[in-house]
Amino acid sequence: MKIKMELKGDIAVIGPKGSLVGGEETDELRSAVAQLLEKGNTKLIVDLAQVDYMNSTAIGALVSAHTSYANRSGKVILCNVNKKITNIFVVTKLSMIFQIEETPAEAELALTK
């Protein structure tokens, strides 16, 4: 799996692909977040459009990213979250922690407010 990463001004967008089940793909996600934090990034959009499944390890990686950004007065917004993954976030009450937007454009707008 390759994670697409791009910068739009001071907003970083990462887009993992496939299933995030705690292997190399989750390590890549953690690594991408760590690189952005190292560079001082404080605004992150995680575009889950191409993620079809996520287990607890991957959710843990997102929670860790959220915490790391929050500790730096930053923000992580998720977008393009499919119905299955949305249900996981609702059941685990993580939907109360993460801001979830429909599209990357809406996520960008939320980060510029």
PDB file of N, CA and C in Angstrom:
ATOM      1  N   MET A   1       0.835  -1.182   0.000  1.00  0.00           N
ATOM      2  CA  MET A   1       0.000   0.000   0.000  1.00  0.00           C
ATOM      3  C   MET A   1       0.878   1.243   0.000  1.00  0.00           C
ATOM      4  N   LYS A   2       0.481   2.195  -0.751  1.00  0.00           N
ATOM      5  CA  LYS A   2       1.149   3.487  -0.761  1.00  0.00           C
ATOM      6  C   LYS A   2       0.146   4.520  -0.258  1.00  0.00           C
ATOM      7  N   ILE A   3       0.645   5.408   0.563  1.00  0.00           N
ATOM      8  CA  ILE A   3      -0.206   6.475   1.066  1.00  0.00           C
ATOM      9  C   ILE A   3       0.069   7.723   0.247  1.00  0.00           C
ATOM     10  N   LYS A   4      -0.988   8.254  -0.323  1.00  0.00           N
ATOM     11  CA  LYS A   4      -0.869   9.496  -1.074  1.00  0.00           C
ATOM     12  C   LYS A   4      -0.780  10.633  -0.066  1.00  0.00           C
ATOM     13  N   MET A   5       0.203  11.508  -0.254  1.00  0.00           N
ATOM     14  CA  MET A   5       0.368  12.627   0.656  1.00  0.00           C
ATOM     15  C   MET A   5       0.571  13.886  -0.160  1.00  0.00           C
ATOM     16  N   GLU A   6      -0.171  14.932   0.179  1.00  0.00           N
ATOM     17  CA  GLU A   6       0.024  16.211  -0.503  1.00  0.00           C
ATOM     18  C   GLU A   6      -0.189  17.352   0.471  1.00  0.00           C
ATOM     19  N   LEU A   7       0.432  18.460   0.168  1.00  0.00           N
ATOM     20  CA  LEU A   7       0.264  19.668   0.966  1.00  0.00           C
ATOM     21  C   LEU A   7      -0.517  20.696   0.173  1.00  0.00           C
ATOM     22  N   LYS A   8      -1.510  21.282   0.820  1.00  0.00           N
ATOM     23  CA  LYS A   8      -2.281  22.361   0.226  1.00  0.00           C
ATOM     24  C   LYS A   8      -2.131  23.553   1.161  1.00  0.00           C
ATOM     25  N   GLY A   9      -1.086  24.317   0.917  1.00  0.00           N
ATOM     26  CA  GLY A   9      -0.754  25.407   1.837  1.00  0.00           C
ATOM     27  C   GLY A   9      -0.277  24.810   3.147  1.00  0.00           C
ATOM     28  N   ASP A  10      -0.953  25.157   4.237  1.00  0.00           N
ATOM     29  CA  ASP A  10      -0.568  24.610   5.539  1.00  0.00           C
ATOM     30  C   ASP A  10      -1.394  23.382   5.930  1.00  0.00           C
ATOM     31  N   ILE A  11      -2.199  22.884   4.986  1.00  0.00           N
ATOM     32  CA  ILE A  11      -3.026  21.698   5.242  1.00  0.00           C
ATOM     33  C   ILE A  11      -2.406  20.495   4.538  1.00  0.00           C
ATOM     34  N   ALA A  12      -2.176  19.441   5.317  1.00  0.00           N
ATOM     35  CA  ALA A  12      -1.670  18.186   4.753  1.00  0.00           C
ATOM     36  C   ALA A  12      -2.848  17.243   4.529  1.00  0.00           C
ATOM     37  N   VAL A  13      -2.813  16.544   3.404  1.00  0.00           N
ATOM     38  CA  VAL A  13      -3.848  15.557   3.092  1.00  0.00           C
ATOM     39  C   VAL A  13      -3.157  14.225   2.863  1.00  0.00           C
ATOM     40  N   ILE A  14      -3.574  13.205   3.629  1.00  0.00           N
ATOM     41  CA  ILE A  14      -3.044  11.870   3.378  1.00  0.00           C
ATOM     42  C   ILE A  14      -4.204  10.966   3.006  1.00  0.00           C
ATOM     43  N   GLY A  15      -3.932  10.073   2.050  1.00  0.00           N
ATOM     44  CA  GLY A  15      -4.962   9.180   1.552  1.00  0.00           C
ATOM     45  C   GLY A  15      -4.486   7.748   1.496  1.00  0.00           C
ATOM     46  N   PRO A  16      -4.712   7.000   2.580  1.00  0.00           N
ATOM     47  CA  PRO A  16      -4.354   5.583   2.544  1.00  0.00           C
ATOM     48  C   PRO A  16      -5.263   4.818   1.591  1.00  0.00           C
ATOM     49  N   LYS A  17      -4.804   3.632   1.166  1.00  0.00           N
ATOM     50  CA  LYS A  17      -5.582   2.804   0.237  1.00  0.00           C
ATOM     51  C   LYS A  17      -5.681   1.385   0.772  1.00  0.00           C
ATOM     52  N   GLY A  18      -6.803   0.739   0.469  1.00  0.00           N
ATOM     53  CA  GLY A  18      -6.962  -0.672   0.802  1.00  0.00           C
ATOM     54  C   GLY A  18      -7.501  -0.896   2.202  1.00  0.00           C
ATOM     55  N   SER A  19      -7.106  -2.022   2.791  1.00  0.00           N
ATOM     56  CA  SER A  19      -7.532  -2.375   4.140  1.00  0.00           C
ATOM     57  C   SER A  19      -6.445  -2.001   5.135  1.00  0.00           C
ATOM     58  N   LEU A  20      -6.845  -1.357   6.196  1.00  0.00           N
ATOM     59  CA  LEU A  20      -5.907  -0.996   7.259  1.00  0.00           C
ATOM     60  C   LEU A  20      -6.122  -1.992   8.396  1.00  0.00           C
ATOM     61  N   VAL A  21      -5.256  -2.989   8.459  1.00  0.00           N
ATOM     62  CA  VAL A  21      -5.467  -4.073   9.420  1.00  0.00           C
ATOM     63  C   VAL A  21      -4.286  -4.306  10.356  1.00  0.00           C
ATOM     64  N   GLY A  22      -3.439  -3.311  10.515  1.00  0.00           N
ATOM     65  CA  GLY A  22      -2.384  -3.415  11.509  1.00  0.00           C
ATOM     66  C   GLY A  22      -1.039  -3.900  11.014  1.00  0.00           C
ATOM     67  N   GLY A  23      -0.886  -4.065   9.715  1.00  0.00           N
ATOM     68  CA  GLY A  23       0.395  -4.490   9.169  1.00  0.00           C
ATOM     69  C   GLY A  23       1.181  -3.306   8.642  1.00  0.00           C
ATOM     70  N   GLU A  24       1.893  -3.552   7.531  1.00  0.00           N
ATOM     71  CA  GLU A  24       2.714  -2.510   6.911  1.00  0.00           C
ATOM     72  C   GLU A  24       1.925  -1.252   6.586  1.00  0.00           C
ATOM     73  N   GLU A  25       0.686  -1.444   6.136  1.00  0.00           N
ATOM     74  CA  GLU A  25      -0.125  -0.297   5.721  1.00  0.00           C
ATOM     75  C   GLU A  25      -0.399   0.634   6.897  1.00  0.00           C
ATOM     76  N   THR A  26      -0.610   0.076   8.079  1.00  0.00           N
ATOM     77  CA  THR A  26      -0.849   0.906   9.259  1.00  0.00           C
ATOM     78  C   THR A  26       0.448   1.577   9.695  1.00  0.00           C
ATOM     79  N   ASP A  27       1.571   0.863   9.561  1.00  0.00           N
ATOM     80  CA  ASP A  27       2.876   1.456   9.865  1.00  0.00           C
ATOM     81  C   ASP A  27       3.155   2.634   8.939  1.00  0.00           C
ATOM     82  N   GLU A  28       2.762   2.502   7.655  1.00  0.00           N
ATOM     83  CA  GLU A  28       2.940   3.599   6.699  1.00  0.00           C
ATOM     84  C   GLU A  28       2.120   4.816   7.115  1.00  0.00           C
ATOM     85  N   LEU A  29       0.907   4.570   7.595  1.00  0.00           N
ATOM     86  CA  LEU A  29       0.045   5.661   8.056  1.00  0.00           C
ATOM     87  C   LEU A  29       0.695   6.362   9.243  1.00  0.00           C
ATOM     88  N   ARG A  30       1.159   5.598  10.218  1.00  0.00           N
ATOM     89  CA  ARG A  30       1.833   6.180  11.384  1.00  0.00           C
ATOM     90  C   ARG A  30       3.068   6.985  10.968  1.00  0.00           C
ATOM     91  N   SER A  31       3.835   6.417  10.051  1.00  0.00           N
ATOM     92  CA  SER A  31       5.049   7.066   9.580  1.00  0.00           C
ATOM     93  C   SER A  31       4.737   8.386   8.874  1.00  0.00           C
ATOM     94  N   ALA A  32       3.707   8.387   8.035  1.00  0.00           N
ATOM     95  CA  ALA A  32       3.312   9.606   7.319  1.00  0.00           C
ATOM     96  C   ALA A  32       2.905  10.692   8.310  1.00  0.00           C
ATOM     97  N   VAL A  33       2.144  10.317   9.331  1.00  0.00           N
ATOM     98  CA  VAL A  33       1.720  11.282  10.349  1.00  0.00           C
ATOM     99  C   VAL A  33       2.936  11.809  11.108  1.00  0.00           C
ATOM    100  N   ALA A  34       3.849  10.917  11.477  1.00  0.00           N
ATOM    101  CA  ALA A  34       5.051  11.323  12.212  1.00  0.00           C
ATOM    102  C   ALA A  34       5.883  12.307  11.395  1.00  0.00           C
ATOM    103  N   GLN A  35       6.022  12.055  10.094  1.00  0.00           N
ATOM    104  CA  GLN A  35       6.783  12.960   9.225  1.00  0.00           C
ATOM    105  C   GLN A  35       6.149  14.345   9.192  1.00  0.00           C
ATOM    106  N   LEU A  36       4.833  14.380   9.090  1.00  0.00           N
ATOM    107  CA  LEU A  36       4.140  15.669   9.048  1.00  0.00           C
ATOM    108  C   LEU A  36       4.303  16.428  10.359  1.00  0.00           C
ATOM    109  N   LEU A  37       4.175  15.709  11.467  1.00  0.00           N
ATOM    110  CA  LEU A  37       4.339  16.350  12.772  1.00  0.00           C
ATOM    111  C   LEU A  37       5.756  16.889  12.951  1.00  0.00           C
ATOM    112  N   GLU A  38       6.725  16.114  12.468  1.00  0.00           N
ATOM    113  CA  GLU A  38       8.126  16.518  12.544  1.00  0.00           C
ATOM    114  C   GLU A  38       8.364  17.839  11.808  1.00  0.00           C
ATOM    115  N   LYS A  39       7.625  18.025  10.712  1.00  0.00           N
ATOM    116  CA  LYS A  39       7.762  19.245   9.915  1.00  0.00           C
ATOM    117  C   LYS A  39       6.945  20.405  10.489  1.00  0.00           C
ATOM    118  N   GLY A  40       6.235  20.153  11.584  1.00  0.00           N
ATOM    119  CA  GLY A  40       5.464  21.207  12.227  1.00  0.00           C
ATOM    120  C   GLY A  40       4.044  21.363  11.729  1.00  0.00           C
ATOM    121  N   ASN A  41       3.549  20.418  10.959  1.00  0.00           N
ATOM    122  CA  ASN A  41       2.185  20.498  10.440  1.00  0.00           C
ATOM    123  C   ASN A  41       1.172  20.436  11.587  1.00  0.00           C
ATOM    124  N   THR A  42       0.121  21.257  11.504  1.00  0.00           N
ATOM    125  CA  THR A  42      -0.919  21.250  12.539  1.00  0.00           C
ATOM    126  C   THR A  42      -2.326  21.053  11.979  1.00  0.00           C
ATOM    127  N   LYS A  43      -2.424  20.873  10.663  1.00  0.00           N
ATOM    128  CA  LYS A  43      -3.742  20.670  10.041  1.00  0.00           C
ATOM    129  C   LYS A  43      -3.661  19.463   9.119  1.00  0.00           C
ATOM    130  N   LEU A  44      -4.410  18.413   9.470  1.00  0.00           N
ATOM    131  CA  LEU A  44      -4.343  17.162   8.716  1.00  0.00           C
ATOM    132  C   LEU A  44      -5.729  16.689   8.311  1.00  0.00           C
ATOM    133  N   ILE A  45      -5.834  16.331   7.041  1.00  0.00           N
ATOM    134  CA  ILE A  45      -7.039  15.674   6.524  1.00  0.00           C
ATOM    135  C   ILE A  45      -6.641  14.248   6.184  1.00  0.00           C
ATOM    136  N   VAL A  46      -7.394  13.288   6.704  1.00  0.00           N
ATOM    137  CA  VAL A  46      -7.186  11.891   6.344  1.00  0.00           C
ATOM    138  C   VAL A  46      -8.353  11.503   5.447  1.00  0.00           C
ATOM    139  N   ASP A  47      -8.049  11.333   4.163  1.00  0.00           N
ATOM    140  CA  ASP A  47      -9.056  10.998   3.154  1.00  0.00           C
ATOM    141  C   ASP A  47      -9.160   9.479   3.061  1.00  0.00           C
ATOM    142  N   LEU A  48     -10.276   8.934   3.534  1.00  0.00           N
ATOM    143  CA  LEU A  48     -10.458   7.487   3.593  1.00  0.00           C
ATOM    144  C   LEU A  48     -11.260   6.941   2.405  1.00  0.00           C
ATOM    145  N   ALA A  49     -11.300   7.689   1.313  1.00  0.00           N
ATOM    146  CA  ALA A  49     -12.078   7.285   0.135  1.00  0.00           C
ATOM    147  C   ALA A  49     -11.680   5.915  -0.388  1.00  0.00           C
ATOM    148  N   GLN A  50     -10.397   5.573  -0.296  1.00  0.00           N
ATOM    149  CA  GLN A  50      -9.942   4.309  -0.862  1.00  0.00           C
ATOM    150  C   GLN A  50      -9.643   3.255   0.209  1.00  0.00           C
ATOM    151  N   VAL A  51     -10.174   3.462   1.405  1.00  0.00           N
ATOM    152  CA  VAL A  51     -10.019   2.481   2.485  1.00  0.00           C
ATOM    153  C   VAL A  51     -11.332   1.717   2.602  1.00  0.00           C
ATOM    154  N   ASP A  52     -11.244   0.399   2.465  1.00  0.00           N
ATOM    155  CA  ASP A  52     -12.469  -0.393   2.514  1.00  0.00           C
ATOM    156  C   ASP A  52     -12.693  -1.077   3.861  1.00  0.00           C
ATOM    157  N   TYR A  53     -11.640  -1.186   4.671  1.00  0.00           N
ATOM    158  CA  TYR A  53     -11.780  -1.833   5.974  1.00  0.00           C
ATOM    159  C   TYR A  53     -10.714  -1.301   6.913  1.00  0.00           C
ATOM    160  N   MET A  54     -11.056  -1.259   8.180  1.00  0.00           N
ATOM    161  CA  MET A  54     -10.132  -0.754   9.184  1.00  0.00           C
ATOM    162  C   MET A  54     -10.364  -1.548  10.467  1.00  0.00           C
ATOM    163  N   ASN A  55      -9.274  -2.065  11.071  1.00  0.00           N
ATOM    164  CA  ASN A  55      -9.447  -2.772  12.339  1.00  0.00           C
ATOM    165  C   ASN A  55      -9.024  -1.884  13.503  1.00  0.00           C
ATOM    166  N   SER A  56      -9.011  -2.454  14.701  1.00  0.00           N
ATOM    167  CA  SER A  56      -8.732  -1.660  15.897  1.00  0.00           C
ATOM    168  C   SER A  56      -7.316  -1.091  15.911  1.00  0.00           C
ATOM    169  N   THR A  57      -6.364  -1.783  15.314  1.00  0.00           N
ATOM    170  CA  THR A  57      -4.990  -1.269  15.267  1.00  0.00           C
ATOM    171  C   THR A  57      -4.933   0.020  14.448  1.00  0.00           C
ATOM    172  N   ALA A  58      -5.598   0.018  13.313  1.00  0.00           N
ATOM    173  CA  ALA A  58      -5.625   1.204  12.461  1.00  0.00           C
ATOM    174  C   ALA A  58      -6.394   2.338  13.134  1.00  0.00           C
ATOM    175  N   ILE A  59      -7.475   2.003  13.807  1.00  0.00           N
ATOM    176  CA  ILE A  59      -8.221   3.031  14.541  1.00  0.00           C
ATOM    177  C   ILE A  59      -7.325   3.622  15.620  1.00  0.00           C
ATOM    178  N   GLY A  60      -6.535   2.766  16.265  1.00  0.00           N
ATOM    179  CA  GLY A  60      -5.581   3.238  17.268  1.00  0.00           C
ATOM    180  C   GLY A  60      -4.579   4.209  16.671  1.00  0.00           C
ATOM    181  N   ALA A  61      -4.136   3.940  15.443  1.00  0.00           N
ATOM    182  CA  ALA A  61      -3.195   4.837  14.761  1.00  0.00           C
ATOM    183  C   ALA A  61      -3.845   6.200  14.507  1.00  0.00           C
ATOM    184  N   LEU A  62      -5.122   6.199  14.141  1.00  0.00           N
ATOM    185  CA  LEU A  62      -5.830   7.468  13.928  1.00  0.00           C
ATOM    186  C   LEU A  62      -6.029   8.214  15.240  1.00  0.00           C
ATOM    187  N   VAL A  63      -6.358   7.480  16.308  1.00  0.00           N
ATOM    188  CA  VAL A  63      -6.529   8.111  17.619  1.00  0.00           C
ATOM    189  C   VAL A  63      -5.199   8.720  18.071  1.00  0.00           C
ATOM    190  N   SER A  64      -4.111   8.001  17.841  1.00  0.00           N
ATOM    191  CA  SER A  64      -2.784   8.500  18.182  1.00  0.00           C
ATOM    192  C   SER A  64      -2.468   9.778  17.404  1.00  0.00           C
ATOM    193  N   ALA A  65      -2.796   9.783  16.118  1.00  0.00           N
ATOM    194  CA  ALA A  65      -2.585  10.974  15.291  1.00  0.00           C
ATOM    195  C   ALA A  65      -3.401  12.143  15.838  1.00  0.00           C
ATOM    196  N   HIS A  66      -4.656  11.876  16.155  1.00  0.00           N
ATOM    197  CA  HIS A  66      -5.538  12.906  16.703  1.00  0.00           C
ATOM    198  C   HIS A  66      -4.938  13.485  17.983  1.00  0.00           C
ATOM    199  N   THR A  67      -4.473  12.627  18.872  1.00  0.00           N
ATOM    200  CA  THR A  67      -3.890  13.064  20.140  1.00  0.00           C
ATOM    201  C   THR A  67      -2.623  13.892  19.919  1.00  0.00           C
ATOM    202  N   SER A  68      -1.761  13.405  19.026  1.00  0.00           N
ATOM    203  CA  SER A  68      -0.511  14.123  18.741  1.00  0.00           C
ATOM    204  C   SER A  68      -0.788  15.512  18.177  1.00  0.00           C
ATOM    205  N   TYR A  69      -1.756  15.606  17.275  1.00  0.00           N
ATOM    206  CA  TYR A  69      -2.108  16.906  16.703  1.00  0.00           C
ATOM    207  C   TYR A  69      -2.750  17.810  17.756  1.00  0.00           C
ATOM    208  N   ALA A  70      -3.643  17.244  18.567  1.00  0.00           N
ATOM    209  CA  ALA A  70      -4.309  18.031  19.605  1.00  0.00           C
ATOM    210  C   ALA A  70      -3.290  18.575  20.604  1.00  0.00           C
ATOM    211  N   ASN A  71      -2.272  17.788  20.924  1.00  0.00           N
ATOM    212  CA  ASN A  71      -1.224  18.235  21.854  1.00  0.00           C
ATOM    213  C   ASN A  71      -0.416  19.397  21.291  1.00  0.00           C
ATOM    214  N   ARG A  72      -0.462  19.586  19.981  1.00  0.00           N
ATOM    215  CA  ARG A  72       0.239  20.692  19.322  1.00  0.00           C
ATOM    216  C   ARG A  72      -0.739  21.776  18.857  1.00  0.00           C
ATOM    217  N   SER A  73      -1.908  21.775  19.465  1.00  0.00           N
ATOM    218  CA  SER A  73      -2.986  22.709  19.099  1.00  0.00           C
ATOM    219  C   SER A  73      -3.375  22.562  17.630  1.00  0.00           C
ATOM    220  N   GLY A  74      -3.250  21.351  17.114  1.00  0.00           N
ATOM    221  CA  GLY A  74      -3.611  21.070  15.733  1.00  0.00           C
ATOM    222  C   GLY A  74      -4.929  20.334  15.640  1.00  0.00           C
ATOM    223  N   LYS A  75      -5.259  19.920  14.424  1.00  0.00           N
ATOM    224  CA  LYS A  75      -6.544  19.262  14.198  1.00  0.00           C
ATOM    225  C   LYS A  75      -6.434  18.229  13.093  1.00  0.00           C
ATOM    226  N   VAL A  76      -7.121  17.112  13.292  1.00  0.00           N
ATOM    227  CA  VAL A  76      -7.232  16.058  12.283  1.00  0.00           C
ATOM    228  C   VAL A  76      -8.707  15.937  11.911  1.00  0.00           C
ATOM    229  N   ILE A  77      -8.980  15.954  10.616  1.00  0.00           N
ATOM    230  CA  ILE A  77     -10.345  15.759  10.133  1.00  0.00           C
ATOM    231  C   ILE A  77     -10.341  14.576   9.176  1.00  0.00           C
ATOM    232  N   LEU A  78     -11.321  13.711   9.318  1.00  0.00           N
ATOM    233  CA  LEU A  78     -11.487  12.574   8.416  1.00  0.00           C
ATOM    234  C   LEU A  78     -12.523  12.934   7.366  1.00  0.00           C
ATOM    235  N   CYS A  79     -12.345  12.390   6.156  1.00  0.00           N
ATOM    236  CA  CYS A  79     -13.359  12.603   5.118  1.00  0.00           C
ATOM    237  C   CYS A  79     -13.485  11.361   4.245  1.00  0.00           C
ATOM    238  N   ASN A  80     -14.547  11.347   3.457  1.00  0.00           N
ATOM    239  CA  ASN A  80     -14.841  10.222   2.558  1.00  0.00           C
ATOM    240  C   ASN A  80     -14.859   8.882   3.305  1.00  0.00           C
ATOM    241  N   VAL A  81     -15.495   8.884   4.458  1.00  0.00           N
ATOM    242  CA  VAL A  81     -15.547   7.680   5.289  1.00  0.00           C
ATOM    243  C   VAL A  81     -16.740   6.838   4.840  1.00  0.00           C
ATOM    244  N   ASN A  82     -16.465   5.566   4.475  1.00  0.00           N
ATOM    245  CA  ASN A  82     -17.575   4.720   4.003  1.00  0.00           C
ATOM    246  C   ASN A  82     -18.492   4.318   5.161  1.00  0.00           C
ATOM    247  N   LYS A  83     -19.627   3.751   4.805  1.00  0.00           N
ATOM    248  CA  LYS A  83     -20.661   3.426   5.792  1.00  0.00           C
ATOM    249  C   LYS A  83     -20.179   2.436   6.856  1.00  0.00           C
ATOM    250  N   LYS A  84     -19.420   1.413   6.429  1.00  0.00           N
ATOM    251  CA  LYS A  84     -18.907   0.415   7.378  1.00  0.00           C
ATOM    252  C   LYS A  84     -18.009   1.053   8.431  1.00  0.00           C
ATOM    253  N   ILE A  85     -17.100   1.891   7.964  1.00  0.00           N
ATOM    254  CA  ILE A  85     -16.155   2.535   8.879  1.00  0.00           C
ATOM    255  C   ILE A  85     -16.874   3.574   9.740  1.00  0.00           C
ATOM    256  N   THR A  86     -17.827   4.280   9.161  1.00  0.00           N
ATOM    257  CA  THR A  86     -18.625   5.234   9.941  1.00  0.00           C
ATOM    258  C   THR A  86     -19.317   4.513  11.083  1.00  0.00           C
ATOM    259  N   ASN A  87     -19.870   3.328  10.804  1.00  0.00           N
ATOM    260  CA  ASN A  87     -20.539   2.559  11.855  1.00  0.00           C
ATOM    261  C   ASN A  87     -19.584   2.191  12.981  1.00  0.00           C
ATOM    262  N   ILE A  88     -18.342   1.848  12.630  1.00  0.00           N
ATOM    263  CA  ILE A  88     -17.334   1.535  13.653  1.00  0.00           C
ATOM    264  C   ILE A  88     -17.099   2.761  14.535  1.00  0.00           C
ATOM    265  N   PHE A  89     -16.991   3.926  13.917  1.00  0.00           N
ATOM    266  CA  PHE A  89     -16.751   5.154  14.674  1.00  0.00           C
ATOM    267  C   PHE A  89     -17.945   5.504  15.560  1.00  0.00           C
ATOM    268  N   VAL A  90     -19.155   5.231  15.088  1.00  0.00           N
ATOM    269  CA  VAL A  90     -20.351   5.508  15.890  1.00  0.00           C
ATOM    270  C   VAL A  90     -20.429   4.547  17.075  1.00  0.00           C
ATOM    271  N   VAL A  91     -20.248   3.256  16.832  1.00  0.00           N
ATOM    272  CA  VAL A  91     -20.345   2.247  17.888  1.00  0.00           C
ATOM    273  C   VAL A  91     -19.288   2.473  18.973  1.00  0.00           C
ATOM    274  N   THR A  92     -18.085   2.850  18.564  1.00  0.00           N
ATOM    275  CA  THR A  92     -17.000   3.068  19.529  1.00  0.00           C
ATOM    276  C   THR A  92     -17.024   4.473  20.124  1.00  0.00           C
ATOM    277  N   LYS A  93     -18.000   5.278  19.711  1.00  0.00           N
ATOM    278  CA  LYS A  93     -18.150   6.666  20.143  1.00  0.00           C
ATOM    279  C   LYS A  93     -16.992   7.568  19.695  1.00  0.00           C
ATOM    280  N   LEU A  94     -16.168   7.087  18.771  1.00  0.00           N
ATOM    281  CA  LEU A  94     -15.086   7.919  18.244  1.00  0.00           C
ATOM    282  C   LEU A  94     -15.619   9.025  17.337  1.00  0.00           C
ATOM    283  N   SER A  95     -16.861   8.877  16.909  1.00  0.00           N
ATOM    284  CA  SER A  95     -17.474   9.932  16.092  1.00  0.00           C
ATOM    285  C   SER A  95     -17.654  11.211  16.918  1.00  0.00           C
ATOM    286  N   MET A  96     -17.577  11.087  18.250  1.00  0.00           N
ATOM    287  CA  MET A  96     -17.673  12.258  19.116  1.00  0.00           C
ATOM    288  C   MET A  96     -16.307  12.938  19.264  1.00  0.00           C
ATOM    289  N   ILE A  97     -15.249  12.221  18.909  1.00  0.00           N
ATOM    290  CA  ILE A  97     -13.887  12.760  19.028  1.00  0.00           C
ATOM    291  C   ILE A  97     -13.403  13.314  17.691  1.00  0.00           C
ATOM    292  N   PHE A  98     -13.625  12.535  16.636  1.00  0.00           N
ATOM    293  CA  PHE A  98     -13.165  12.935  15.307  1.00  0.00           C
ATOM    294  C   PHE A  98     -14.209  13.776  14.603  1.00  0.00           C
ATOM    295  N   GLN A  99     -13.738  14.811  13.924  1.00  0.00           N
ATOM    296  CA  GLN A  99     -14.617  15.545  13.019  1.00  0.00           C
ATOM    297  C   GLN A  99     -14.580  14.801  11.696  1.00  0.00           C
ATOM    298  N   ILE A 100     -15.751  14.482  11.178  1.00  0.00           N
ATOM    299  CA  ILE A 100     -15.849  13.743   9.921  1.00  0.00           C
ATOM    300  C   ILE A 100     -16.641  14.584   8.933  1.00  0.00           C
ATOM    301  N   GLU A 101     -16.016  14.836   7.784  1.00  0.00           N
ATOM    302  CA  GLU A 101     -16.663  15.607   6.721  1.00  0.00           C
ATOM    303  C   GLU A 101     -16.883  14.703   5.518  1.00  0.00           C
ATOM    304  N   GLU A 102     -17.814  15.086   4.668  1.00  0.00           N
ATOM    305  CA  GLU A 102     -18.130  14.278   3.486  1.00  0.00           C
ATOM    306  C   GLU A 102     -16.996  14.276   2.463  1.00  0.00           C
ATOM    307  N   THR A 103     -16.462  15.452   2.172  1.00  0.00           N
ATOM    308  CA  THR A 103     -15.480  15.584   1.095  1.00  0.00           C
ATOM    309  C   THR A 103     -14.207  16.271   1.582  1.00  0.00           C
ATOM    310  N   PRO A 104     -13.105  16.111   0.836  1.00  0.00           N
ATOM    311  CA  PRO A 104     -11.881  16.840   1.182  1.00  0.00           C
ATOM    312  C   PRO A 104     -12.092  18.360   1.174  1.00  0.00           C
ATOM    313  N   ALA A 105     -12.905  18.848   0.249  1.00  0.00           N
ATOM    314  CA  ALA A 105     -13.162  20.291   0.171  1.00  0.00           C
ATOM    315  C   ALA A 105     -13.851  20.796   1.440  1.00  0.00           C
ATOM    316  N   GLU A 106     -14.811  20.019   1.954  1.00  0.00           N
ATOM    317  CA  GLU A 106     -15.489  20.405   3.190  1.00  0.00           C
ATOM    318  C   GLU A 106     -14.524  20.345   4.375  1.00  0.00           C
ATOM    319  N   ALA A 107     -13.634  19.351   4.363  1.00  0.00           N
ATOM    320  CA  ALA A 107     -12.631  19.225   5.429  1.00  0.00           C
ATOM    321  C   ALA A 107     -11.677  20.417   5.397  1.00  0.00           C
ATOM    322  N   GLU A 108     -11.252  20.807   4.192  1.00  0.00           N
ATOM    323  CA  GLU A 108     -10.372  21.982   4.048  1.00  0.00           C
ATOM    324  C   GLU A 108     -11.058  23.232   4.574  1.00  0.00           C
ATOM    325  N   LEU A 109     -12.306  23.400   4.224  1.00  0.00           N
ATOM    326  CA  LEU A 109     -13.067  24.562   4.666  1.00  0.00           C
ATOM    327  C   LEU A 109     -13.144  24.581   6.208  1.00  0.00           C
ATOM    328  N   ALA A 110     -13.379  23.422   6.804  1.00  0.00           N
ATOM    329  CA  ALA A 110     -13.466  23.323   8.266  1.00  0.00           C
ATOM    330  C   ALA A 110     -12.143  23.685   8.931  1.00  0.00           C
ATOM    331  N   LEU A 111     -11.028  23.368   8.277  1.00  0.00           N
ATOM    332  CA  LEU A 111      -9.723  23.671   8.848  1.00  0.00           C
ATOM    333  C   LEU A 111      -9.311  25.131   8.689  1.00  0.00           C
ATOM    334  N   THR A 112      -9.982  25.840   7.790  1.00  0.00           N
ATOM    335  CA  THR A 112      -9.633  27.242   7.570  1.00  0.00           C
ATOM    336  C   THR A 112     -10.498  28.194   8.394  1.00  0.00           C
ATOM    337  N   LYS A 113     -11.468  27.665   9.103  1.00  0.00           N
ATOM    338  CA  LYS A 113     -12.345  28.505   9.927  1.00  0.00           C
ATOM    339  C   LYS A 113     -11.635  28.918  11.190  1.00  0.00           C
TER     340      LYS A 113
END
